[in-house]
Amino acid sequence: MKKLFLSVVLILLSVGATFAQPKEGHIAYTITVSSEDPDMSMGVAMFDGSKMELYFDKDLARTELDFGGFMSTSTVVNDKTDEVLILMGGGIDLFNF
């Protein structure tokens, strides 16, 4: 009887943990571009230092994508109002005015 009770408790805890999802967070990526083609060396150098960061909570999400010094993009999504705002810049840093 003790084993049955313990098994039921473990199953309930594992089911609860399975359906649990984070309510807010921050994910950061480092982007690395490489090529064995010598003709692509200049293009690869433009993407040096690229990164992407994602911030989210219950109703909002923001993605900041920085392709080195080449291009920057920031996207804000409002799930409550179904609105999306996209800011793009070339050769400038949108995130550090």
PDB file of N, CA and C in Angstrom:
ATOM      1  N   MET A   1       0.819  -1.198   0.000  1.00  0.00           N
ATOM      2  CA  MET A   1       0.000   0.000   0.000  1.00  0.00           C
ATOM      3  C   MET A   1       0.857   1.254   0.000  1.00  0.00           C
ATOM      4  N   LYS A   2       1.960   1.183   0.735  1.00  0.00           N
ATOM      5  CA  LYS A   2       2.871   2.326   0.806  1.00  0.00           C
ATOM      6  C   LYS A   2       3.486   2.596  -0.567  1.00  0.00           C
ATOM      7  N   LYS A   3       3.850   1.546  -1.300  1.00  0.00           N
ATOM      8  CA  LYS A   3       4.448   1.701  -2.628  1.00  0.00           C
ATOM      9  C   LYS A   3       3.436   2.280  -3.622  1.00  0.00           C
ATOM     10  N   LEU A   4       2.191   1.853  -3.516  1.00  0.00           N
ATOM     11  CA  LEU A   4       1.151   2.370  -4.395  1.00  0.00           C
ATOM     12  C   LEU A   4       0.943   3.862  -4.149  1.00  0.00           C
ATOM     13  N   PHE A   5       0.864   4.274  -2.904  1.00  0.00           N
ATOM     14  CA  PHE A   5       0.702   5.684  -2.561  1.00  0.00           C
ATOM     15  C   PHE A   5       1.880   6.506  -3.080  1.00  0.00           C
ATOM     16  N   LEU A   6       3.090   6.016  -2.875  1.00  0.00           N
ATOM     17  CA  LEU A   6       4.288   6.715  -3.333  1.00  0.00           C
ATOM     18  C   LEU A   6       4.298   6.821  -4.860  1.00  0.00           C
ATOM     19  N   SER A   7       3.880   5.772  -5.537  1.00  0.00           N
ATOM     20  CA  SER A   7       3.829   5.783  -7.004  1.00  0.00           C
ATOM     21  C   SER A   7       2.831   6.813  -7.508  1.00  0.00           C
ATOM     22  N   VAL A   8       1.657   6.871  -6.877  1.00  0.00           N
ATOM     23  CA  VAL A   8       0.646   7.839  -7.285  1.00  0.00           C
ATOM     24  C   VAL A   8       1.143   9.270  -7.065  1.00  0.00           C
ATOM     25  N   VAL A   9       1.792   9.531  -5.953  1.00  0.00           N
ATOM     26  CA  VAL A   9       2.335  10.861  -5.668  1.00  0.00           C
ATOM     27  C   VAL A   9       3.394  11.235  -6.698  1.00  0.00           C
ATOM     28  N   LEU A  10       4.291  10.323  -7.033  1.00  0.00           N
ATOM     29  CA  LEU A  10       5.341  10.602  -8.025  1.00  0.00           C
ATOM     30  C   LEU A  10       4.744  10.871  -9.403  1.00  0.00           C
ATOM     31  N   ILE A  11       3.712  10.117  -9.765  1.00  0.00           N
ATOM     32  CA  ILE A  11       3.066  10.342 -11.061  1.00  0.00           C
ATOM     33  C   ILE A  11       2.406  11.720 -11.087  1.00  0.00           C
ATOM     34  N   LEU A  12       1.715  12.093 -10.036  1.00  0.00           N
ATOM     35  CA  LEU A  12       1.077  13.416  -9.986  1.00  0.00           C
ATOM     36  C   LEU A  12       2.095  14.542 -10.039  1.00  0.00           C
ATOM     37  N   LEU A  13       3.210  14.385  -9.353  1.00  0.00           N
ATOM     38  CA  LEU A  13       4.258  15.411  -9.392  1.00  0.00           C
ATOM     39  C   LEU A  13       4.881  15.514 -10.774  1.00  0.00           C
ATOM     40  N   SER A  14       5.108  14.393 -11.431  1.00  0.00           N
ATOM     41  CA  SER A  14       5.720  14.432 -12.764  1.00  0.00           C
ATOM     42  C   SER A  14       4.760  15.028 -13.789  1.00  0.00           C
ATOM     43  N   VAL A  15       3.456  14.749 -13.660  1.00  0.00           N
ATOM     44  CA  VAL A  15       2.469  15.349 -14.567  1.00  0.00           C
ATOM     45  C   VAL A  15       2.421  16.859 -14.346  1.00  0.00           C
ATOM     46  N   GLY A  16       2.440  17.298 -13.104  1.00  0.00           N
ATOM     47  CA  GLY A  16       2.439  18.733 -12.812  1.00  0.00           C
ATOM     48  C   GLY A  16       3.666  19.423 -13.365  1.00  0.00           C
ATOM     49  N   ALA A  17       4.820  18.782 -13.256  1.00  0.00           N
ATOM     50  CA  ALA A  17       6.054  19.371 -13.778  1.00  0.00           C
ATOM     51  C   ALA A  17       6.056  19.396 -15.305  1.00  0.00           C
ATOM     52  N   THR A  18       5.390  18.434 -15.927  1.00  0.00           N
ATOM     53  CA  THR A  18       5.331  18.380 -17.383  1.00  0.00           C
ATOM     54  C   THR A  18       4.560  19.562 -17.956  1.00  0.00           C
ATOM     55  N   PHE A  19       3.481  19.973 -17.291  1.00  0.00           N
ATOM     56  CA  PHE A  19       2.650  21.060 -17.793  1.00  0.00           C
ATOM     57  C   PHE A  19       3.118  22.436 -17.328  1.00  0.00           C
ATOM     58  N   ALA A  20       4.080  22.500 -16.455  1.00  0.00           N
ATOM     59  CA  ALA A  20       4.596  23.785 -15.986  1.00  0.00           C
ATOM     60  C   ALA A  20       5.443  24.426 -17.080  1.00  0.00           C
ATOM     61  N   GLN A  21       5.195  25.688 -17.349  1.00  0.00           N
ATOM     62  CA  GLN A  21       5.959  26.415 -18.346  1.00  0.00           C
ATOM     63  C   GLN A  21       6.409  27.733 -17.741  1.00  0.00           C
ATOM     64  N   PRO A  22       7.583  28.216 -18.159  1.00  0.00           N
ATOM     65  CA  PRO A  22       8.054  29.498 -17.624  1.00  0.00           C
ATOM     66  C   PRO A  22       7.128  30.638 -18.038  1.00  0.00           C
ATOM     67  N   LYS A  23       6.886  31.562 -17.130  1.00  0.00           N
ATOM     68  CA  LYS A  23       6.020  32.713 -17.391  1.00  0.00           C
ATOM     69  C   LYS A  23       6.787  33.885 -17.991  1.00  0.00           C
ATOM     70  N   GLU A  24       8.070  33.962 -17.711  1.00  0.00           N
ATOM     71  CA  GLU A  24       8.901  35.022 -18.276  1.00  0.00           C
ATOM     72  C   GLU A  24      10.330  34.506 -18.369  1.00  0.00           C
ATOM     73  N   GLY A  25      11.116  35.145 -19.249  1.00  0.00           N
ATOM     74  CA  GLY A  25      12.490  34.681 -19.382  1.00  0.00           C
ATOM     75  C   GLY A  25      13.304  35.508 -20.351  1.00  0.00           C
ATOM     76  N   HIS A  26      14.541  35.118 -20.475  1.00  0.00           N
ATOM     77  CA  HIS A  26      15.523  35.769 -21.351  1.00  0.00           C
ATOM     78  C   HIS A  26      16.414  34.680 -21.914  1.00  0.00           C
ATOM     79  N   ILE A  27      16.521  34.617 -23.239  1.00  0.00           N
ATOM     80  CA  ILE A  27      17.377  33.643 -23.911  1.00  0.00           C
ATOM     81  C   ILE A  27      18.348  34.420 -24.781  1.00  0.00           C
ATOM     82  N   ALA A  28      19.635  34.104 -24.681  1.00  0.00           N
ATOM     83  CA  ALA A  28      20.658  34.792 -25.475  1.00  0.00           C
ATOM     84  C   ALA A  28      21.396  33.778 -26.344  1.00  0.00           C
ATOM     85  N   TYR A  29      21.597  34.136 -27.608  1.00  0.00           N
ATOM     86  CA  TYR A  29      22.318  33.304 -28.552  1.00  0.00           C
ATOM     87  C   TYR A  29      23.526  34.070 -29.068  1.00  0.00           C
ATOM     88  N   THR A  30      24.600  33.372 -29.295  1.00  0.00           N
ATOM     89  CA  THR A  30      25.754  33.919 -29.998  1.00  0.00           C
ATOM     90  C   THR A  30      25.779  33.269 -31.370  1.00  0.00           C
ATOM     91  N   ILE A  31      25.854  34.069 -32.419  1.00  0.00           N
ATOM     92  CA  ILE A  31      25.803  33.556 -33.786  1.00  0.00           C
ATOM     93  C   ILE A  31      27.212  33.563 -34.358  1.00  0.00           C
ATOM     94  N   THR A  32      27.632  32.418 -34.862  1.00  0.00           N
ATOM     95  CA  THR A  32      28.948  32.280 -35.476  1.00  0.00           C
ATOM     96  C   THR A  32      28.775  31.919 -36.948  1.00  0.00           C
ATOM     97  N   VAL A  33      29.393  32.679 -37.829  1.00  0.00           N
ATOM     98  CA  VAL A  33      29.329  32.430 -39.262  1.00  0.00           C
ATOM     99  C   VAL A  33      30.722  32.059 -39.736  1.00  0.00           C
ATOM    100  N   SER A  34      30.809  30.981 -40.505  1.00  0.00           N
ATOM    101  CA  SER A  34      32.111  30.568 -41.031  1.00  0.00           C
ATOM    102  C   SER A  34      31.947  30.018 -42.440  1.00  0.00           C
ATOM    103  N   SER A  35      33.035  30.027 -43.187  1.00  0.00           N
ATOM    104  CA  SER A  35      33.028  29.492 -44.545  1.00  0.00           C
ATOM    105  C   SER A  35      34.438  29.059 -44.916  1.00  0.00           C
ATOM    106  N   GLU A  36      34.523  27.986 -45.672  1.00  0.00           N
ATOM    107  CA  GLU A  36      35.817  27.531 -46.164  1.00  0.00           C
ATOM    108  C   GLU A  36      36.174  28.202 -47.490  1.00  0.00           C
ATOM    109  N   ASP A  37      35.241  28.905 -48.080  1.00  0.00           N
ATOM    110  CA  ASP A  37      35.451  29.596 -49.352  1.00  0.00           C
ATOM    111  C   ASP A  37      36.181  30.905 -49.099  1.00  0.00           C
ATOM    112  N   PRO A  38      37.389  31.080 -49.665  1.00  0.00           N
ATOM    113  CA  PRO A  38      38.145  32.327 -49.433  1.00  0.00           C
ATOM    114  C   PRO A  38      37.432  33.571 -49.981  1.00  0.00           C
ATOM    115  N   ASP A  39      36.575  33.404 -50.985  1.00  0.00           N
ATOM    116  CA  ASP A  39      35.841  34.547 -51.534  1.00  0.00           C
ATOM    117  C   ASP A  39      34.796  35.075 -50.547  1.00  0.00           C
ATOM    118  N   MET A  40      34.407  34.270 -49.584  1.00  0.00           N
ATOM    119  CA  MET A  40      33.398  34.662 -48.603  1.00  0.00           C
ATOM    120  C   MET A  40      33.997  35.285 -47.345  1.00  0.00           C
ATOM    121  N   SER A  41      35.321  35.397 -47.275  1.00  0.00           N
ATOM    122  CA  SER A  41      35.966  35.878 -46.048  1.00  0.00           C
ATOM    123  C   SER A  41      35.504  37.286 -45.655  1.00  0.00           C
ATOM    124  N   MET A  42      35.292  38.164 -46.626  1.00  0.00           N
ATOM    125  CA  MET A  42      34.843  39.518 -46.300  1.00  0.00           C
ATOM    126  C   MET A  42      33.396  39.485 -45.785  1.00  0.00           C
ATOM    127  N   GLY A  43      32.550  38.668 -46.405  1.00  0.00           N
ATOM    128  CA  GLY A  43      31.163  38.565 -45.958  1.00  0.00           C
ATOM    129  C   GLY A  43      31.061  37.969 -44.567  1.00  0.00           C
ATOM    130  N   VAL A  44      31.911  36.976 -44.290  1.00  0.00           N
ATOM    131  CA  VAL A  44      31.916  36.347 -42.972  1.00  0.00           C
ATOM    132  C   VAL A  44      32.378  37.347 -41.915  1.00  0.00           C
ATOM    133  N   ALA A  45      33.333  38.186 -42.245  1.00  0.00           N
ATOM    134  CA  ALA A  45      33.858  39.179 -41.296  1.00  0.00           C
ATOM    135  C   ALA A  45      32.779  40.185 -40.894  1.00  0.00           C
ATOM    136  N   MET A  46      31.835  40.479 -41.796  1.00  0.00           N
ATOM    137  CA  MET A  46      30.768  41.437 -41.473  1.00  0.00           C
ATOM    138  C   MET A  46      29.851  40.912 -40.370  1.00  0.00           C
ATOM    139  N   PHE A  47      29.733  39.596 -40.250  1.00  0.00           N
ATOM    140  CA  PHE A  47      28.845  39.003 -39.256  1.00  0.00           C
ATOM    141  C   PHE A  47      29.550  38.670 -37.945  1.00  0.00           C
ATOM    142  N   ASP A  48      30.791  39.069 -37.805  1.00  0.00           N
ATOM    143  CA  ASP A  48      31.538  38.808 -36.572  1.00  0.00           C
ATOM    144  C   ASP A  48      30.883  39.544 -35.397  1.00  0.00           C
ATOM    145  N   GLY A  49      30.670  38.846 -34.295  1.00  0.00           N
ATOM    146  CA  GLY A  49      30.048  39.444 -33.119  1.00  0.00           C
ATOM    147  C   GLY A  49      28.527  39.460 -33.169  1.00  0.00           C
ATOM    148  N   SER A  50      27.929  38.665 -34.045  1.00  0.00           N
ATOM    149  CA  SER A  50      26.471  38.629 -34.151  1.00  0.00           C
ATOM    150  C   SER A  50      25.857  37.930 -32.945  1.00  0.00           C
ATOM    151  N   LYS A  51      24.652  38.405 -32.567  1.00  0.00           N
ATOM    152  CA  LYS A  51      23.963  37.805 -31.422  1.00  0.00           C
ATOM    153  C   LYS A  51      22.462  38.039 -31.538  1.00  0.00           C
ATOM    154  N   MET A  52      21.712  37.226 -30.830  1.00  0.00           N
ATOM    155  CA  MET A  52      20.267  37.389 -30.759  1.00  0.00           C
ATOM    156  C   MET A  52      19.833  37.204 -29.316  1.00  0.00           C
ATOM    157  N   GLU A  53      18.951  38.088 -28.851  1.00  0.00           N
ATOM    158  CA  GLU A  53      18.425  37.990 -27.498  1.00  0.00           C
ATOM    159  C   GLU A  53      16.906  38.011 -27.563  1.00  0.00           C
ATOM    160  N   LEU A  54      16.285  37.133 -26.798  1.00  0.00           N
ATOM    161  CA  LEU A  54      14.838  37.027 -26.743  1.00  0.00           C
ATOM    162  C   LEU A  54      14.387  37.222 -25.311  1.00  0.00           C
ATOM    163  N   TYR A  55      13.485  38.176 -25.111  1.00  0.00           N
ATOM    164  CA  TYR A  55      12.887  38.453 -23.808  1.00  0.00           C
ATOM    165  C   TYR A  55      11.391  38.169 -23.931  1.00  0.00           C
ATOM    166  N   PHE A  56      10.808  37.531 -22.938  1.00  0.00           N
ATOM    167  CA  PHE A  56       9.377  37.272 -23.009  1.00  0.00           C
ATOM    168  C   PHE A  56       8.757  37.234 -21.621  1.00  0.00           C
ATOM    169  N   ASP A  57       7.463  37.558 -21.591  1.00  0.00           N
ATOM    170  CA  ASP A  57       6.629  37.353 -20.409  1.00  0.00           C
ATOM    171  C   ASP A  57       5.270  36.899 -20.912  1.00  0.00           C
ATOM    172  N   LYS A  58       4.247  37.005 -20.100  1.00  0.00           N
ATOM    173  CA  LYS A  58       2.951  36.435 -20.452  1.00  0.00           C
ATOM    174  C   LYS A  58       2.378  36.987 -21.759  1.00  0.00           C
ATOM    175  N   ASP A  59       2.416  38.303 -21.964  1.00  0.00           N
ATOM    176  CA  ASP A  59       1.765  38.919 -23.124  1.00  0.00           C
ATOM    177  C   ASP A  59       2.710  39.584 -24.116  1.00  0.00           C
ATOM    178  N   LEU A  60       3.959  39.784 -23.740  1.00  0.00           N
ATOM    179  CA  LEU A  60       4.897  40.511 -24.607  1.00  0.00           C
ATOM    180  C   LEU A  60       6.132  39.671 -24.904  1.00  0.00           C
ATOM    181  N   ALA A  61       6.685  39.879 -26.095  1.00  0.00           N
ATOM    182  CA  ALA A  61       7.959  39.256 -26.462  1.00  0.00           C
ATOM    183  C   ALA A  61       8.770  40.267 -27.255  1.00  0.00           C
ATOM    184  N   ARG A  62      10.059  40.281 -27.022  1.00  0.00           N
ATOM    185  CA  ARG A  62      10.951  41.183 -27.749  1.00  0.00           C
ATOM    186  C   ARG A  62      12.169  40.397 -28.212  1.00  0.00           C
ATOM    187  N   THR A  63      12.519  40.545 -29.473  1.00  0.00           N
ATOM    188  CA  THR A  63      13.699  39.910 -30.028  1.00  0.00           C
ATOM    189  C   THR A  63      14.631  40.995 -30.537  1.00  0.00           C
ATOM    190  N   GLU A  64      15.886  40.939 -30.125  1.00  0.00           N
ATOM    191  CA  GLU A  64      16.906  41.865 -30.613  1.00  0.00           C
ATOM    192  C   GLU A  64      17.938  41.040 -31.368  1.00  0.00           C
ATOM    193  N   LEU A  65      18.070  41.326 -32.647  1.00  0.00           N
ATOM    194  CA  LEU A  65      18.983  40.594 -33.513  1.00  0.00           C
ATOM    195  C   LEU A  65      20.027  41.566 -34.031  1.00  0.00           C
ATOM    196  N   ASP A  66      21.275  41.284 -33.761  1.00  0.00           N
ATOM    197  CA  ASP A  66      22.385  42.162 -34.150  1.00  0.00           C
ATOM    198  C   ASP A  66      23.358  41.364 -35.000  1.00  0.00           C
ATOM    199  N   PHE A  67      23.431  41.679 -36.297  1.00  0.00           N
ATOM    200  CA  PHE A  67      24.373  41.019 -37.202  1.00  0.00           C
ATOM    201  C   PHE A  67      25.666  41.828 -37.257  1.00  0.00           C
ATOM    202  N   GLY A  68      26.468  41.761 -36.197  1.00  0.00           N
ATOM    203  CA  GLY A  68      27.721  42.504 -36.140  1.00  0.00           C
ATOM    204  C   GLY A  68      27.469  43.977 -36.375  1.00  0.00           C
ATOM    205  N   GLY A  69      28.224  44.602 -37.235  1.00  0.00           N
ATOM    206  CA  GLY A  69      28.026  46.009 -37.576  1.00  0.00           C
ATOM    207  C   GLY A  69      27.208  46.171 -38.841  1.00  0.00           C
ATOM    208  N   PHE A  70      26.710  45.066 -39.382  1.00  0.00           N
ATOM    209  CA  PHE A  70      26.026  45.060 -40.671  1.00  0.00           C
ATOM    210  C   PHE A  70      24.568  45.504 -40.569  1.00  0.00           C
ATOM    211  N   MET A  71      23.813  44.930 -39.618  1.00  0.00           N
ATOM    212  CA  MET A  71      22.388  45.224 -39.534  1.00  0.00           C
ATOM    213  C   MET A  71      21.868  44.904 -38.137  1.00  0.00           C
ATOM    214  N   SER A  72      20.874  45.670 -37.672  1.00  0.00           N
ATOM    215  CA  SER A  72      20.225  45.429 -36.386  1.00  0.00           C
ATOM    216  C   SER A  72      18.711  45.410 -36.591  1.00  0.00           C
ATOM    217  N   THR A  73      18.047  44.505 -35.897  1.00  0.00           N
ATOM    218  CA  THR A  73      16.595  44.404 -35.963  1.00  0.00           C
ATOM    219  C   THR A  73      16.045  44.165 -34.572  1.00  0.00           C
ATOM    220  N   SER A  74      14.993  44.878 -34.230  1.00  0.00           N
ATOM    221  CA  SER A  74      14.298  44.667 -32.967  1.00  0.00           C
ATOM    222  C   SER A  74      12.830  44.442 -33.278  1.00  0.00           C
ATOM    223  N   THR A  75      12.259  43.369 -32.727  1.00  0.00           N
ATOM    224  CA  THR A  75      10.862  43.024 -32.960  1.00  0.00           C
ATOM    225  C   THR A  75      10.149  42.914 -31.622  1.00  0.00           C
ATOM    226  N   VAL A  76       9.018  43.603 -31.481  1.00  0.00           N
ATOM    227  CA  VAL A  76       8.213  43.547 -30.268  1.00  0.00           C
ATOM    228  C   VAL A  76       6.840  42.998 -30.655  1.00  0.00           C
ATOM    229  N   VAL A  77       6.404  41.958 -29.947  1.00  0.00           N
ATOM    230  CA  VAL A  77       5.109  41.329 -30.210  1.00  0.00           C
ATOM    231  C   VAL A  77       4.242  41.471 -28.970  1.00  0.00           C
ATOM    232  N   ASN A  78       3.041  42.043 -29.150  1.00  0.00           N
ATOM    233  CA  ASN A  78       2.070  42.169 -28.073  1.00  0.00           C
ATOM    234  C   ASN A  78       0.946  41.172 -28.350  1.00  0.00           C
ATOM    235  N   ASP A  79       0.912  40.085 -27.592  1.00  0.00           N
ATOM    236  CA  ASP A  79      -0.062  39.026 -27.811  1.00  0.00           C
ATOM    237  C   ASP A  79      -1.473  39.461 -27.439  1.00  0.00           C
ATOM    238  N   LYS A  80      -1.593  40.380 -26.500  1.00  0.00           N
ATOM    239  CA  LYS A  80      -2.904  40.847 -26.042  1.00  0.00           C
ATOM    240  C   LYS A  80      -3.623  41.646 -27.129  1.00  0.00           C
ATOM    241  N   THR A  81      -2.889  42.511 -27.825  1.00  0.00           N
ATOM    242  CA  THR A  81      -3.492  43.371 -28.848  1.00  0.00           C
ATOM    243  C   THR A  81      -3.219  42.893 -30.274  1.00  0.00           C
ATOM    244  N   ASP A  82      -2.497  41.790 -30.424  1.00  0.00           N
ATOM    245  CA  ASP A  82      -2.119  41.246 -31.742  1.00  0.00           C
ATOM    246  C   ASP A  82      -1.362  42.275 -32.579  1.00  0.00           C
ATOM    247  N   GLU A  83      -0.476  43.034 -31.946  1.00  0.00           N
ATOM    248  CA  GLU A  83       0.337  44.027 -32.647  1.00  0.00           C
ATOM    249  C   GLU A  83       1.795  43.579 -32.683  1.00  0.00           C
ATOM    250  N   VAL A  84       2.471  43.950 -33.778  1.00  0.00           N
ATOM    251  CA  VAL A  84       3.888  43.657 -33.938  1.00  0.00           C
ATOM    252  C   VAL A  84       4.578  44.941 -34.385  1.00  0.00           C
ATOM    253  N   LEU A  85       5.681  45.275 -33.738  1.00  0.00           N
ATOM    254  CA  LEU A  85       6.490  46.438 -34.092  1.00  0.00           C
ATOM    255  C   LEU A  85       7.870  45.946 -34.488  1.00  0.00           C
ATOM    256  N   ILE A  86       8.330  46.329 -35.679  1.00  0.00           N
ATOM    257  CA  ILE A  86       9.642  45.908 -36.168  1.00  0.00           C
ATOM    258  C   ILE A  86      10.472  47.155 -36.451  1.00  0.00           C
ATOM    259  N   LEU A  87      11.641  47.236 -35.824  1.00  0.00           N
ATOM    260  CA  LEU A  87      12.589  48.331 -36.070  1.00  0.00           C
ATOM    261  C   LEU A  87      13.817  47.735 -36.739  1.00  0.00           C
ATOM    262  N   MET A  88      14.220  48.317 -37.864  1.00  0.00           N
ATOM    263  CA  MET A  88      15.382  47.814 -38.585  1.00  0.00           C
ATOM    264  C   MET A  88      16.359  48.943 -38.828  1.00  0.00           C
ATOM    265  N   GLY A  89      17.636  48.613 -38.760  1.00  0.00           N
ATOM    266  CA  GLY A  89      18.671  49.593 -39.026  1.00  0.00           C
ATOM    267  C   GLY A  89      19.855  48.924 -39.708  1.00  0.00           C
ATOM    268  N   GLY A  90      20.504  49.650 -40.563  1.00  0.00           N
ATOM    269  CA  GLY A  90      21.679  49.135 -41.248  1.00  0.00           C
ATOM    270  C   GLY A  90      22.917  49.899 -40.830  1.00  0.00           C
ATOM    271  N   GLY A  91      23.885  49.210 -40.278  1.00  0.00           N
ATOM    272  CA  GLY A  91      25.134  49.838 -39.903  1.00  0.00           C
ATOM    273  C   GLY A  91      25.053  50.674 -38.650  1.00  0.00           C
ATOM    274  N   ILE A  92      23.928  50.628 -37.934  1.00  0.00           N
ATOM    275  CA  ILE A  92      23.796  51.367 -36.688  1.00  0.00           C
ATOM    276  C   ILE A  92      23.334  50.410 -35.594  1.00  0.00           C
ATOM    277  N   ASP A  93      23.538  50.792 -34.380  1.00  0.00           N
ATOM    278  CA  ASP A  93      23.114  49.979 -33.248  1.00  0.00           C
ATOM    279  C   ASP A  93      21.824  50.562 -32.691  1.00  0.00           C
ATOM    280  N   LEU A  94      20.707  49.859 -32.908  1.00  0.00           N
ATOM    281  CA  LEU A  94      19.419  50.349 -32.432  1.00  0.00           C
ATOM    282  C   LEU A  94      19.295  50.302 -30.923  1.00  0.00           C
ATOM    283  N   PHE A  95      20.100  49.486 -30.280  1.00  0.00           N
ATOM    284  CA  PHE A  95      19.908  49.190 -28.878  1.00  0.00           C
ATOM    285  C   PHE A  95      20.722  50.069 -27.943  1.00  0.00           C
ATOM    286  N   ASN A  96      21.690  50.800 -28.469  1.00  0.00           N
ATOM    287  CA  ASN A  96      22.528  51.670 -27.648  1.00  0.00           C
ATOM    288  C   ASN A  96      22.584  53.059 -28.263  1.00  0.00           C
ATOM    289  N   PHE A  97      21.564  53.847 -28.058  1.00  0.00           N
ATOM    290  CA  PHE A  97      21.538  55.207 -28.610  1.00  0.00           C
ATOM    291  C   PHE A  97      22.516  56.090 -27.879  1.00  0.00           C
TER     292      PHE A  97
END
